[in-house]
Amino acid sequence: MGLTPGERVHLAAMETTFPGWHLVVRDGWWWATKRVPPTSEQKAAGVLHDFARQGPYEPVAALTVQLGILARMGAA
């Protein structure tokens, strides 16, 4: 099943907003994979290598949390 036009626009906006993440939608799940895997220190702080959320809005919230963690570490 393909994305709706609105979902395609949302995905494109997410790709622009979160360029450090590869984003795909599969079977209703929105997947985000960090383009550069997190370091051990980042993992310990809560940075995920990848995750899936049902969406399209839940992954934006999760990505914002991830960016917040990285920013606090000075790595955003």
N, C-alpha and C. Protein backbone atom coordinates (compact mmCIF):
# COMPACT_ATOMS: atom_id res chain seq x y z
N MET A 1 0.85 -1.18 0.00
CA MET A 1 0.00 0.00 0.00
C MET A 1 0.90 1.24 0.00
N GLY A 2 0.61 2.17 -0.89
CA GLY A 2 1.41 3.37 -1.00
C GLY A 2 0.99 4.45 -0.02
N LEU A 3 1.78 5.47 0.01
CA LEU A 3 1.47 6.61 0.88
C LEU A 3 0.43 7.51 0.23
N THR A 4 -0.35 8.15 1.05
CA THR A 4 -1.29 9.15 0.55
C THR A 4 -0.48 10.39 0.15
N PRO A 5 -1.06 11.27 -0.66
CA PRO A 5 -0.33 12.51 -0.99
C PRO A 5 0.07 13.29 0.26
N GLY A 6 -0.80 13.35 1.26
CA GLY A 6 -0.48 14.05 2.49
C GLY A 6 0.68 13.40 3.24
N GLU A 7 0.70 12.08 3.26
CA GLU A 7 1.80 11.37 3.92
C GLU A 7 3.12 11.59 3.18
N ARG A 8 3.07 11.64 1.86
CA ARG A 8 4.29 11.91 1.08
C ARG A 8 4.84 13.30 1.40
N VAL A 9 3.95 14.28 1.50
CA VAL A 9 4.38 15.64 1.86
C VAL A 9 4.98 15.64 3.27
N HIS A 10 4.32 14.95 4.19
CA HIS A 10 4.81 14.87 5.57
C HIS A 10 6.19 14.21 5.62
N LEU A 11 6.36 13.12 4.89
CA LEU A 11 7.64 12.42 4.86
C LEU A 11 8.73 13.33 4.28
N ALA A 12 8.43 14.04 3.22
CA ALA A 12 9.41 14.95 2.62
C ALA A 12 9.80 16.05 3.62
N ALA A 13 8.84 16.56 4.36
CA ALA A 13 9.14 17.59 5.36
C ALA A 13 10.01 17.01 6.47
N MET A 14 9.73 15.79 6.88
CA MET A 14 10.54 15.14 7.90
C MET A 14 11.97 14.93 7.42
N GLU A 15 12.13 14.52 6.16
CA GLU A 15 13.47 14.30 5.61
C GLU A 15 14.27 15.59 5.59
N THR A 16 13.60 16.70 5.34
CA THR A 16 14.27 18.00 5.35
C THR A 16 14.61 18.43 6.76
N THR A 17 13.71 18.19 7.69
CA THR A 17 13.88 18.61 9.07
C THR A 17 14.90 17.76 9.82
N PHE A 18 14.97 16.48 9.49
CA PHE A 18 15.84 15.54 10.20
C PHE A 18 16.81 14.87 9.22
N PRO A 19 17.74 15.62 8.63
CA PRO A 19 18.61 15.06 7.59
C PRO A 19 19.56 13.98 8.09
N GLY A 20 19.78 13.88 9.38
CA GLY A 20 20.67 12.86 9.92
C GLY A 20 20.03 11.50 10.05
N TRP A 21 18.79 11.39 9.60
CA TRP A 21 18.03 10.15 9.74
C TRP A 21 17.49 9.71 8.39
N HIS A 22 17.55 8.42 8.13
CA HIS A 22 16.93 7.84 6.94
C HIS A 22 15.53 7.42 7.35
N LEU A 23 14.54 7.88 6.61
CA LEU A 23 13.14 7.65 6.98
C LEU A 23 12.41 6.85 5.90
N VAL A 24 11.69 5.84 6.32
CA VAL A 24 10.87 5.05 5.41
C VAL A 24 9.56 4.69 6.10
N VAL A 25 8.58 4.38 5.28
CA VAL A 25 7.28 3.94 5.80
C VAL A 25 7.02 2.55 5.23
N ARG A 26 6.76 1.60 6.14
CA ARG A 26 6.47 0.23 5.75
C ARG A 26 5.31 -0.30 6.56
N ASP A 27 4.32 -0.78 5.88
CA ASP A 27 3.17 -1.42 6.55
C ASP A 27 2.57 -0.58 7.67
N GLY A 28 2.48 0.73 7.43
CA GLY A 28 1.88 1.63 8.41
C GLY A 28 2.83 2.10 9.51
N TRP A 29 4.05 1.59 9.50
CA TRP A 29 5.05 1.99 10.50
C TRP A 29 6.04 2.93 9.85
N TRP A 30 6.37 3.99 10.57
CA TRP A 30 7.34 4.99 10.12
C TRP A 30 8.66 4.69 10.80
N TRP A 31 9.65 4.31 10.01
CA TRP A 31 10.96 3.90 10.52
C TRP A 31 11.96 5.03 10.37
N ALA A 32 12.79 5.21 11.39
CA ALA A 32 13.89 6.18 11.35
C ALA A 32 15.17 5.45 11.72
N THR A 33 16.18 5.59 10.89
CA THR A 33 17.49 4.99 11.15
C THR A 33 18.51 6.11 11.11
N LYS A 34 19.30 6.22 12.16
CA LYS A 34 20.33 7.25 12.23
C LYS A 34 21.38 6.95 11.16
N ARG A 35 21.68 7.94 10.32
CA ARG A 35 22.62 7.72 9.21
C ARG A 35 24.02 7.37 9.72
N VAL A 36 24.43 8.00 10.81
CA VAL A 36 25.70 7.67 11.46
C VAL A 36 25.35 6.99 12.78
N PRO A 37 25.70 5.73 12.93
CA PRO A 37 25.32 5.04 14.16
C PRO A 37 25.80 5.79 15.40
N PRO A 38 25.01 5.75 16.46
CA PRO A 38 25.40 6.45 17.68
C PRO A 38 26.63 5.81 18.32
N THR A 39 27.41 6.65 18.97
CA THR A 39 28.57 6.16 19.71
C THR A 39 28.07 5.46 20.98
N SER A 40 28.98 4.80 21.65
CA SER A 40 28.63 4.15 22.92
C SER A 40 28.11 5.17 23.92
N GLU A 41 28.75 6.33 23.96
CA GLU A 41 28.33 7.39 24.87
C GLU A 41 26.92 7.88 24.53
N GLN A 42 26.65 8.05 23.23
CA GLN A 42 25.32 8.48 22.80
C GLN A 42 24.27 7.43 23.13
N LYS A 43 24.60 6.16 22.91
CA LYS A 43 23.67 5.08 23.25
C LYS A 43 23.34 5.11 24.74
N ALA A 44 24.37 5.30 25.56
CA ALA A 44 24.17 5.33 27.01
C ALA A 44 23.27 6.49 27.42
N ALA A 45 23.30 7.57 26.63
CA ALA A 45 22.47 8.74 26.92
C ALA A 45 21.05 8.58 26.39
N GLY A 46 20.81 7.54 25.59
CA GLY A 46 19.46 7.30 25.09
C GLY A 46 19.26 7.48 23.59
N VAL A 47 20.35 7.71 22.86
CA VAL A 47 20.22 7.86 21.41
C VAL A 47 20.03 6.47 20.80
N LEU A 48 19.04 6.35 19.96
CA LEU A 48 18.72 5.08 19.32
C LEU A 48 19.32 5.03 17.92
N HIS A 49 19.71 3.83 17.48
CA HIS A 49 20.18 3.70 16.10
C HIS A 49 19.00 3.71 15.14
N ASP A 50 17.92 3.04 15.53
CA ASP A 50 16.71 3.06 14.72
C ASP A 50 15.50 2.79 15.61
N PHE A 51 14.35 3.16 15.08
CA PHE A 51 13.11 2.92 15.80
C PHE A 51 11.95 3.04 14.82
N ALA A 52 10.82 2.52 15.21
CA ALA A 52 9.60 2.60 14.41
C ALA A 52 8.48 3.14 15.28
N ARG A 53 7.64 3.95 14.66
CA ARG A 53 6.46 4.48 15.33
C ARG A 53 5.31 4.44 14.32
N GLN A 54 4.11 4.30 14.84
CA GLN A 54 2.97 4.45 13.95
C GLN A 54 2.77 5.93 13.81
N GLY A 55 2.39 6.36 12.66
CA GLY A 55 2.44 7.81 12.50
C GLY A 55 1.37 8.33 11.61
N PRO A 56 1.69 9.49 11.16
CA PRO A 56 3.00 10.08 10.90
C PRO A 56 3.52 11.03 11.99
N TYR A 57 2.75 11.32 13.01
CA TYR A 57 3.19 12.34 13.96
C TYR A 57 4.08 11.80 15.08
N GLU A 58 3.88 10.56 15.48
CA GLU A 58 4.68 9.98 16.55
C GLU A 58 6.18 9.98 16.25
N PRO A 59 6.61 9.68 15.00
CA PRO A 59 8.05 9.70 14.76
C PRO A 59 8.65 11.11 14.86
N VAL A 60 7.87 12.12 14.56
CA VAL A 60 8.38 13.50 14.69
C VAL A 60 8.70 13.78 16.16
N ALA A 61 7.81 13.38 17.04
CA ALA A 61 8.04 13.58 18.47
C ALA A 61 9.28 12.81 18.92
N ALA A 62 9.42 11.56 18.47
CA ALA A 62 10.57 10.75 18.86
C ALA A 62 11.87 11.32 18.31
N LEU A 63 11.85 11.80 17.07
CA LEU A 63 13.05 12.39 16.48
C LEU A 63 13.43 13.68 17.21
N THR A 64 12.45 14.43 17.63
CA THR A 64 12.72 15.66 18.38
C THR A 64 13.40 15.33 19.70
N VAL A 65 12.96 14.27 20.36
CA VAL A 65 13.60 13.81 21.60
C VAL A 65 15.05 13.42 21.30
N GLN A 66 15.26 12.68 20.22
CA GLN A 66 16.61 12.25 19.87
C GLN A 66 17.52 13.46 19.63
N LEU A 67 17.02 14.44 18.91
CA LEU A 67 17.82 15.66 18.67
C LEU A 67 18.11 16.38 19.96
N GLY A 68 17.17 16.39 20.89
CA GLY A 68 17.39 17.02 22.18
C GLY A 68 18.52 16.36 22.95
N ILE A 69 18.54 15.03 22.94
CA ILE A 69 19.62 14.30 23.61
C ILE A 69 20.97 14.66 22.98
N LEU A 70 21.01 14.63 21.65
CA LEU A 70 22.26 14.94 20.95
C LEU A 70 22.69 16.38 21.21
N ALA A 71 21.74 17.30 21.24
CA ALA A 71 22.08 18.70 21.48
C ALA A 71 22.66 18.87 22.88
N ARG A 72 22.08 18.21 23.87
CA ARG A 72 22.61 18.31 25.23
C ARG A 72 24.02 17.75 25.31
N MET A 73 24.33 16.81 24.42
CA MET A 73 25.68 16.23 24.40
C MET A 73 26.63 17.05 23.53
N GLY A 74 26.09 18.07 22.86
CA GLY A 74 26.92 18.87 21.97
C GLY A 74 27.19 18.21 20.64
N ALA A 75 26.33 17.26 20.26
CA ALA A 75 26.57 16.48 19.03
C ALA A 75 25.46 16.62 18.00
N ALA A 76 24.58 17.59 18.15
CA ALA A 76 23.43 17.69 17.24
C ALA A 76 23.81 18.18 15.88
